[in-house]
């Protein structure tokens, strides 16, 4: 149509190899911290004590909540993060949030509705471990 202009496309930022390497190292270090915190939380034993069971469950939920926010923040701070790594971090953060909401809604790991979030988290973890070698 006459008189209409195409909307300008924002330029795609470019980063040096060093910026990309540093961003990857920072994001991978953040993932390693969260992954370690999950390992520690998952290794806690609650036994038959209801108070300990609640404490262990709360600890796991806390790791998912803080971990999702920490990963998202680190990713936002590192715009030079390689796209495949950034996608995996977003998937991990999102799956952590889905899992946490399910747990707060008292949905167990074995419940069918929790399976997509568990699979997404497992897939993201495998991808992140591979990319962060």
Foldseek 3Di string as FASTA:
>chain_A
DPPDDDDDDDDDDDDDPVLQVVLLQQLLVLVVVLVVQLVVLVPDDQPPDPVSVVVSLVSNLVSLQVSLVSSVVSCVVRVSHPPLLSVLSNLQSVLSVVQSVCVVVVHDCPDPVNVVSVVSNVVSNVSSVVSND
